[in-house]
């Protein structure tokens, strides 16, 4: 292994430090972690009426400090894996998600960014399917 390769391996090991226990993870700034962590109530989606979003339970997205989380709307229940991603100078996240929609396995991706008014704006994409923008408000719940 050459010296350039050794430097890359060392840099990669540093960047793989786990987020648990307050340690750093690449693409995970403290500002974003603090700003997004918690449960957010989905109050609007571009593609579906609010009564549909809240069909089974109130629509939500939740970001946990360990960079995992969950989301639910209509009949979708899923887990998320998120990464820090600023948008237009605002703290935000990009994430992948995997779960079930009416019992059928489904996956997708999405992003969310904190707005100046304290709401969360984002977009959800179903793999090979629908996509919709959303807006959410912090609930204060820490499940």
N, C-alpha and C. Protein backbone atom coordinates (compact mmCIF):
# COMPACT_ATOMS: atom_id res chain seq x y z
N UNK A 1 0.85 -1.17 0.00
CA UNK A 1 0.00 0.00 0.00
C UNK A 1 0.90 1.23 0.00
N UNK A 2 0.65 2.16 -0.93
CA UNK A 2 1.43 3.38 -1.02
C UNK A 2 1.01 4.39 0.04
N UNK A 3 1.81 5.45 0.19
CA UNK A 3 1.51 6.43 1.24
C UNK A 3 0.19 7.14 0.98
N UNK A 4 -0.13 7.38 -0.30
CA UNK A 4 -1.42 8.01 -0.63
C UNK A 4 -2.58 7.13 -0.22
N UNK A 5 -2.43 5.81 -0.44
CA UNK A 5 -3.50 4.89 -0.06
C UNK A 5 -3.64 4.82 1.46
N UNK A 6 -2.49 4.84 2.18
CA UNK A 6 -2.54 4.82 3.64
C UNK A 6 -3.26 6.06 4.17
N UNK A 7 -2.96 7.23 3.58
CA UNK A 7 -3.63 8.45 4.02
C UNK A 7 -5.13 8.35 3.80
N UNK A 8 -5.54 7.77 2.67
CA UNK A 8 -6.97 7.63 2.39
C UNK A 8 -7.62 6.69 3.39
N UNK A 9 -6.99 5.57 3.73
CA UNK A 9 -7.54 4.63 4.69
C UNK A 9 -7.69 5.31 6.05
N UNK A 10 -6.67 6.05 6.48
CA UNK A 10 -6.74 6.74 7.76
C UNK A 10 -7.87 7.77 7.74
N UNK A 11 -7.98 8.54 6.67
CA UNK A 11 -9.05 9.54 6.56
C UNK A 11 -10.41 8.87 6.59
N UNK A 12 -10.54 7.74 5.89
CA UNK A 12 -11.82 7.04 5.87
C UNK A 12 -12.16 6.48 7.24
N UNK A 13 -11.18 5.98 7.99
CA UNK A 13 -11.45 5.48 9.34
C UNK A 13 -11.94 6.62 10.22
N UNK A 14 -11.32 7.79 10.10
CA UNK A 14 -11.76 8.93 10.90
C UNK A 14 -13.19 9.30 10.54
N UNK A 15 -13.53 9.24 9.26
CA UNK A 15 -14.86 9.67 8.84
C UNK A 15 -15.94 8.65 9.19
N UNK A 16 -15.54 7.43 9.57
CA UNK A 16 -16.52 6.41 9.92
C UNK A 16 -16.85 6.38 11.40
N UNK A 17 -16.35 7.36 12.15
CA UNK A 17 -16.63 7.41 13.58
C UNK A 17 -18.12 7.46 13.81
N UNK A 18 -18.59 6.70 14.75
CA UNK A 18 -20.03 6.58 15.01
C UNK A 18 -20.61 7.83 15.65
N UNK A 19 -21.85 8.15 15.29
CA UNK A 19 -22.54 9.33 15.83
C UNK A 19 -22.98 9.10 17.27
N UNK A 20 -23.16 7.87 17.68
CA UNK A 20 -23.62 7.61 19.04
C UNK A 20 -22.59 8.11 20.04
N UNK A 21 -23.08 8.64 21.14
CA UNK A 21 -22.19 9.13 22.17
C UNK A 21 -21.58 10.48 21.82
N UNK A 22 -22.12 11.19 20.87
CA UNK A 22 -21.65 12.53 20.55
C UNK A 22 -20.43 12.57 19.67
N UNK A 23 -20.03 11.45 19.12
CA UNK A 23 -18.87 11.44 18.23
C UNK A 23 -19.28 11.90 16.85
N UNK A 24 -18.32 12.33 16.07
CA UNK A 24 -18.65 12.89 14.76
C UNK A 24 -18.87 11.81 13.71
N UNK A 25 -19.67 12.15 12.73
CA UNK A 25 -19.94 11.32 11.57
C UNK A 25 -19.86 12.24 10.37
N UNK A 26 -19.26 11.79 9.26
CA UNK A 26 -19.17 12.68 8.11
C UNK A 26 -20.54 13.14 7.66
N UNK A 27 -20.63 14.42 7.31
CA UNK A 27 -21.89 14.96 6.86
C UNK A 27 -22.90 15.18 7.97
N UNK A 28 -22.45 15.17 9.21
CA UNK A 28 -23.34 15.34 10.35
C UNK A 28 -22.84 16.49 11.20
N UNK A 29 -23.34 17.67 10.97
CA UNK A 29 -22.93 18.80 11.79
C UNK A 29 -23.79 18.86 13.03
N UNK A 30 -23.24 19.36 14.13
CA UNK A 30 -23.99 19.52 15.38
C UNK A 30 -25.21 20.42 15.15
N UNK A 31 -25.04 21.49 14.36
CA UNK A 31 -26.14 22.42 14.12
C UNK A 31 -27.31 21.70 13.48
N UNK A 32 -27.06 20.91 12.48
CA UNK A 32 -28.14 20.19 11.82
C UNK A 32 -28.75 19.17 12.77
N UNK A 33 -27.92 18.43 13.48
CA UNK A 33 -28.43 17.43 14.40
C UNK A 33 -29.39 18.08 15.40
N UNK A 34 -28.98 19.17 16.01
CA UNK A 34 -29.80 19.85 16.99
C UNK A 34 -31.07 20.39 16.37
N UNK A 35 -30.97 20.94 15.18
CA UNK A 35 -32.11 21.58 14.53
C UNK A 35 -33.18 20.58 14.10
N UNK A 36 -32.78 19.40 13.67
CA UNK A 36 -33.74 18.46 13.09
C UNK A 36 -34.23 17.38 14.04
N UNK A 37 -33.43 17.05 15.05
CA UNK A 37 -33.79 15.93 15.93
C UNK A 37 -35.13 16.19 16.60
N UNK A 38 -35.99 15.20 16.53
CA UNK A 38 -37.31 15.28 17.14
C UNK A 38 -38.38 14.80 16.19
N UNK A 39 -39.60 14.93 16.64
CA UNK A 39 -40.75 14.47 15.87
C UNK A 39 -41.42 15.69 15.23
N UNK A 40 -41.77 15.54 13.96
CA UNK A 40 -42.39 16.59 13.17
C UNK A 40 -43.72 16.10 12.63
N UNK A 41 -44.75 16.89 12.78
CA UNK A 41 -46.09 16.56 12.29
C UNK A 41 -46.23 17.06 10.86
N UNK A 42 -46.53 16.16 9.94
CA UNK A 42 -46.73 16.56 8.54
C UNK A 42 -48.08 17.29 8.46
N UNK A 43 -48.02 18.57 8.08
CA UNK A 43 -49.23 19.38 8.04
C UNK A 43 -49.70 19.66 6.61
N UNK A 44 -48.89 19.26 5.64
CA UNK A 44 -49.26 19.50 4.25
C UNK A 44 -48.42 18.63 3.33
N UNK A 45 -49.08 18.04 2.32
CA UNK A 45 -48.37 17.32 1.27
C UNK A 45 -48.94 17.77 -0.07
N UNK A 46 -48.07 17.89 -1.07
CA UNK A 46 -48.50 18.37 -2.38
C UNK A 46 -49.47 17.42 -3.08
N UNK A 47 -49.24 16.13 -2.92
CA UNK A 47 -49.98 15.14 -3.70
C UNK A 47 -51.27 14.65 -3.04
N UNK A 48 -51.34 14.72 -1.71
CA UNK A 48 -52.48 14.15 -1.00
C UNK A 48 -53.13 15.17 -0.07
N UNK A 49 -54.45 15.05 0.09
CA UNK A 49 -55.19 15.89 1.03
C UNK A 49 -54.80 15.49 2.46
N UNK A 50 -54.92 16.43 3.40
CA UNK A 50 -54.53 16.17 4.79
C UNK A 50 -55.31 15.01 5.39
N UNK A 51 -56.58 14.86 5.06
CA UNK A 51 -57.35 13.74 5.60
C UNK A 51 -56.78 12.40 5.13
N UNK A 52 -56.18 12.37 3.93
CA UNK A 52 -55.53 11.16 3.44
C UNK A 52 -54.19 10.95 4.15
N UNK A 53 -53.43 12.01 4.32
CA UNK A 53 -52.13 11.93 5.01
C UNK A 53 -52.34 11.34 6.41
N UNK A 54 -53.44 11.71 7.07
CA UNK A 54 -53.73 11.27 8.44
C UNK A 54 -54.64 10.05 8.50
N UNK A 55 -54.74 9.29 7.43
CA UNK A 55 -55.68 8.17 7.33
C UNK A 55 -55.56 7.17 8.48
N UNK A 56 -54.37 6.66 8.74
CA UNK A 56 -54.17 5.66 9.79
C UNK A 56 -53.81 6.32 11.11
N UNK A 57 -52.98 7.33 11.05
CA UNK A 57 -52.54 8.10 12.22
C UNK A 57 -52.03 9.45 11.70
N UNK A 58 -51.89 10.43 12.56
CA UNK A 58 -51.36 11.72 12.09
C UNK A 58 -50.01 11.53 11.39
N UNK A 59 -49.87 12.13 10.21
CA UNK A 59 -48.62 12.01 9.45
C UNK A 59 -47.46 12.62 10.21
N UNK A 60 -46.28 11.99 10.12
CA UNK A 60 -45.11 12.48 10.85
C UNK A 60 -43.82 12.06 10.17
N UNK A 61 -42.76 12.74 10.56
CA UNK A 61 -41.40 12.31 10.26
C UNK A 61 -40.59 12.58 11.52
N UNK A 62 -39.72 11.65 11.88
CA UNK A 62 -38.94 11.79 13.11
C UNK A 62 -37.46 11.53 12.83
N UNK A 63 -36.64 12.46 13.30
CA UNK A 63 -35.19 12.35 13.17
C UNK A 63 -34.61 12.09 14.56
N UNK A 64 -33.91 10.97 14.71
CA UNK A 64 -33.32 10.60 15.98
C UNK A 64 -31.85 11.00 16.01
N UNK A 65 -31.28 11.21 17.21
CA UNK A 65 -29.88 11.65 17.31
C UNK A 65 -28.87 10.67 16.69
N UNK A 66 -29.24 9.38 16.59
CA UNK A 66 -28.32 8.39 16.02
C UNK A 66 -28.41 8.32 14.50
N UNK A 67 -29.09 9.30 13.88
CA UNK A 67 -29.23 9.43 12.44
C UNK A 67 -30.11 8.36 11.82
N UNK A 68 -30.97 7.82 12.65
CA UNK A 68 -32.03 6.94 12.19
C UNK A 68 -33.33 7.70 12.44
N UNK A 69 -34.44 7.10 12.19
CA UNK A 69 -35.72 7.76 12.44
C UNK A 69 -36.85 6.98 11.83
N UNK A 70 -37.98 7.64 11.67
CA UNK A 70 -39.14 6.97 11.11
C UNK A 70 -40.06 8.00 10.48
N UNK A 71 -40.98 7.49 9.67
CA UNK A 71 -42.00 8.35 9.08
C UNK A 71 -43.26 7.54 8.90
N UNK A 72 -44.37 8.25 8.85
CA UNK A 72 -45.65 7.60 8.64
C UNK A 72 -46.64 8.59 8.06
N UNK A 73 -47.36 8.16 7.06
CA UNK A 73 -48.43 8.95 6.47
C UNK A 73 -49.28 8.00 5.62
N UNK A 74 -50.55 8.33 5.47
CA UNK A 74 -51.53 7.47 4.80
C UNK A 74 -51.40 6.07 5.43
N UNK A 75 -51.00 5.04 4.68
CA UNK A 75 -50.80 3.70 5.24
C UNK A 75 -49.32 3.32 5.20
N UNK A 76 -48.45 4.31 5.03
CA UNK A 76 -47.00 4.07 4.96
C UNK A 76 -46.41 4.17 6.37
N UNK A 77 -45.63 3.17 6.74
CA UNK A 77 -44.83 3.18 7.97
C UNK A 77 -43.44 2.75 7.58
N UNK A 78 -42.43 3.59 7.90
CA UNK A 78 -41.08 3.30 7.43
C UNK A 78 -40.03 3.80 8.41
N UNK A 79 -38.86 3.19 8.32
CA UNK A 79 -37.69 3.66 9.04
C UNK A 79 -36.83 4.49 8.10
N UNK A 80 -36.10 5.46 8.65
CA UNK A 80 -35.23 6.29 7.82
C UNK A 80 -33.79 6.25 8.33
N UNK A 81 -32.88 6.52 7.43
CA UNK A 81 -31.44 6.65 7.69
C UNK A 81 -31.07 8.00 7.08
N UNK A 82 -30.72 8.99 7.93
CA UNK A 82 -30.52 10.34 7.42
C UNK A 82 -29.09 10.84 7.55
N UNK A 83 -28.77 11.79 6.68
CA UNK A 83 -27.46 12.43 6.64
C UNK A 83 -27.64 13.94 6.52
N UNK A 84 -26.74 14.67 7.12
CA UNK A 84 -26.73 16.12 7.05
C UNK A 84 -26.62 16.59 5.60
N UNK A 85 -27.45 17.54 5.22
CA UNK A 85 -27.40 18.10 3.86
C UNK A 85 -28.05 19.47 3.88
N UNK A 86 -27.25 20.51 3.92
CA UNK A 86 -27.79 21.87 3.92
C UNK A 86 -28.43 22.19 2.56
N UNK A 87 -29.50 22.95 2.59
CA UNK A 87 -30.21 23.39 1.37
C UNK A 87 -30.43 24.88 1.47
N UNK A 88 -29.93 25.59 0.48
CA UNK A 88 -30.10 27.05 0.44
C UNK A 88 -29.67 27.71 1.74
N UNK A 89 -28.59 27.21 2.33
CA UNK A 89 -28.05 27.79 3.56
C UNK A 89 -28.79 27.40 4.83
N UNK A 90 -29.77 26.51 4.74
CA UNK A 90 -30.54 26.06 5.90
C UNK A 90 -30.11 24.67 6.32
N UNK A 91 -30.14 24.38 7.63
CA UNK A 91 -29.85 23.02 8.07
C UNK A 91 -30.87 22.06 7.47
N UNK A 92 -30.40 20.91 7.06
CA UNK A 92 -31.30 19.95 6.45
C UNK A 92 -30.74 18.55 6.47
N UNK A 93 -31.47 17.65 5.85
CA UNK A 93 -31.09 16.24 5.82
C UNK A 93 -31.54 15.62 4.51
N UNK A 94 -30.78 14.63 4.08
CA UNK A 94 -31.19 13.73 3.01
C UNK A 94 -31.31 12.36 3.65
N UNK A 95 -32.25 11.57 3.19
CA UNK A 95 -32.46 10.27 3.82
C UNK A 95 -32.98 9.24 2.82
N UNK A 96 -32.74 8.00 3.18
CA UNK A 96 -33.38 6.89 2.49
C UNK A 96 -34.40 6.32 3.47
N UNK A 97 -35.43 5.67 2.96
CA UNK A 97 -36.41 5.07 3.83
C UNK A 97 -36.85 3.72 3.29
N UNK A 98 -37.29 2.87 4.22
CA UNK A 98 -37.74 1.52 3.88
C UNK A 98 -38.84 1.13 4.84
N UNK A 99 -39.91 0.58 4.29
CA UNK A 99 -41.01 0.18 5.15
C UNK A 99 -42.11 -0.50 4.39
N UNK A 100 -43.35 -0.23 4.81
CA UNK A 100 -44.51 -0.88 4.24
C UNK A 100 -45.60 0.12 3.93
N UNK A 101 -46.32 -0.13 2.85
CA UNK A 101 -47.47 0.66 2.45
C UNK A 101 -48.62 -0.33 2.25
N UNK A 102 -49.59 -0.33 3.15
CA UNK A 102 -50.69 -1.29 3.14
C UNK A 102 -50.17 -2.73 3.09
N UNK A 103 -49.11 -3.01 3.82
CA UNK A 103 -48.56 -4.35 3.90
C UNK A 103 -47.55 -4.70 2.82
N UNK A 104 -47.42 -3.88 1.79
CA UNK A 104 -46.45 -4.14 0.72
C UNK A 104 -45.13 -3.43 1.02
N UNK A 105 -44.03 -4.15 0.81
CA UNK A 105 -42.71 -3.56 1.02
C UNK A 105 -42.50 -2.39 0.07
N UNK A 106 -41.95 -1.31 0.58
CA UNK A 106 -41.68 -0.13 -0.25
C UNK A 106 -40.43 0.58 0.24
N UNK A 107 -39.77 1.28 -0.65
CA UNK A 107 -38.56 2.04 -0.31
C UNK A 107 -38.61 3.38 -1.02
N UNK A 108 -37.71 4.23 -0.60
CA UNK A 108 -37.61 5.53 -1.25
C UNK A 108 -36.51 6.38 -0.64
N UNK A 109 -36.58 7.64 -0.98
CA UNK A 109 -35.59 8.60 -0.49
C UNK A 109 -36.31 9.92 -0.26
N UNK A 110 -35.59 10.87 0.32
CA UNK A 110 -36.20 12.18 0.53
C UNK A 110 -35.20 13.16 1.07
N UNK A 111 -35.67 14.36 1.26
CA UNK A 111 -34.87 15.41 1.88
C UNK A 111 -35.79 16.31 2.69
N UNK A 112 -35.20 17.04 3.62
CA UNK A 112 -35.95 17.99 4.44
C UNK A 112 -35.01 19.12 4.84
N UNK A 113 -35.54 20.33 4.94
CA UNK A 113 -34.74 21.49 5.34
C UNK A 113 -35.55 22.37 6.27
N UNK A 114 -34.88 22.93 7.26
CA UNK A 114 -35.50 23.83 8.22
C UNK A 114 -35.68 25.20 7.59
N UNK A 115 -36.90 25.71 7.63
CA UNK A 115 -37.21 27.02 7.06
C UNK A 115 -36.99 28.12 8.11
N UNK A 116 -36.94 29.36 7.66
CA UNK A 116 -36.75 30.49 8.57
C UNK A 116 -37.86 30.58 9.61
N UNK A 117 -39.08 30.15 9.27
CA UNK A 117 -40.20 30.23 10.21
C UNK A 117 -40.25 29.04 11.18
N UNK A 118 -39.25 28.15 11.13
CA UNK A 118 -39.18 27.01 12.05
C UNK A 118 -39.88 25.76 11.56
N UNK A 119 -40.53 25.83 10.40
CA UNK A 119 -41.16 24.63 9.85
C UNK A 119 -40.13 23.84 9.04
N UNK A 120 -40.48 22.63 8.75
CA UNK A 120 -39.65 21.74 7.95
C UNK A 120 -40.29 21.61 6.58
N UNK A 121 -39.52 21.81 5.53
CA UNK A 121 -39.99 21.65 4.15
C UNK A 121 -39.18 20.53 3.53
N UNK A 122 -39.83 19.65 2.78
CA UNK A 122 -39.08 18.56 2.18
C UNK A 122 -39.81 17.90 1.04
N UNK A 123 -39.25 16.77 0.61
CA UNK A 123 -39.82 16.02 -0.50
C UNK A 123 -39.56 14.54 -0.27
N UNK A 124 -40.58 13.72 -0.50
CA UNK A 124 -40.49 12.27 -0.39
C UNK A 124 -40.65 11.64 -1.76
N UNK A 125 -39.84 10.63 -2.04
CA UNK A 125 -39.89 9.91 -3.31
C UNK A 125 -40.05 8.42 -3.04
N UNK A 126 -41.06 7.80 -3.65
CA UNK A 126 -41.20 6.34 -3.63
C UNK A 126 -40.36 5.80 -4.76
N UNK A 127 -39.62 4.73 -4.50
CA UNK A 127 -38.85 4.09 -5.56
C UNK A 127 -39.81 3.62 -6.65
N UNK A 128 -39.58 4.07 -7.89
CA UNK A 128 -40.41 3.73 -9.05
C UNK A 128 -41.88 4.10 -8.86
N UNK A 129 -42.13 5.21 -8.13
CA UNK A 129 -43.52 5.58 -7.88
C UNK A 129 -43.72 7.06 -7.67
N UNK A 130 -44.72 7.39 -6.87
CA UNK A 130 -45.11 8.77 -6.61
C UNK A 130 -44.01 9.53 -5.88
N UNK A 131 -44.16 10.85 -5.90
CA UNK A 131 -43.31 11.72 -5.08
C UNK A 131 -44.14 12.93 -4.70
N UNK A 132 -43.82 13.51 -3.54
CA UNK A 132 -44.60 14.64 -3.05
C UNK A 132 -43.77 15.52 -2.13
N UNK A 133 -43.97 16.81 -2.29
CA UNK A 133 -43.42 17.75 -1.33
C UNK A 133 -44.23 17.68 -0.05
N UNK A 134 -43.63 18.13 1.06
CA UNK A 134 -44.35 18.17 2.34
C UNK A 134 -43.86 19.33 3.18
N UNK A 135 -44.68 19.68 4.15
CA UNK A 135 -44.33 20.67 5.15
C UNK A 135 -44.71 20.10 6.50
N UNK A 136 -43.89 20.34 7.53
CA UNK A 136 -44.13 19.76 8.85
C UNK A 136 -43.80 20.77 9.94
N UNK A 137 -44.44 20.59 11.10
CA UNK A 137 -44.19 21.41 12.28
C UNK A 137 -43.68 20.52 13.40
N UNK A 138 -42.75 21.04 14.20
CA UNK A 138 -42.22 20.28 15.34
C UNK A 138 -43.35 20.02 16.34
N UNK A 139 -43.39 18.78 16.86
CA UNK A 139 -44.44 18.43 17.81
C UNK A 139 -43.97 18.49 19.25
N UNK A 140 -42.69 18.35 19.47
CA UNK A 140 -42.18 18.30 20.84
C UNK A 140 -42.11 16.89 21.38
N UNK A 141 -42.77 15.93 20.72
CA UNK A 141 -42.73 14.54 21.17
C UNK A 141 -41.33 13.97 20.96
N UNK A 142 -40.85 13.21 21.94
CA UNK A 142 -39.56 12.52 21.84
C UNK A 142 -39.80 11.04 22.06
N UNK A 143 -40.28 10.35 21.07
CA UNK A 143 -40.59 8.92 21.22
C UNK A 143 -39.37 8.08 21.25
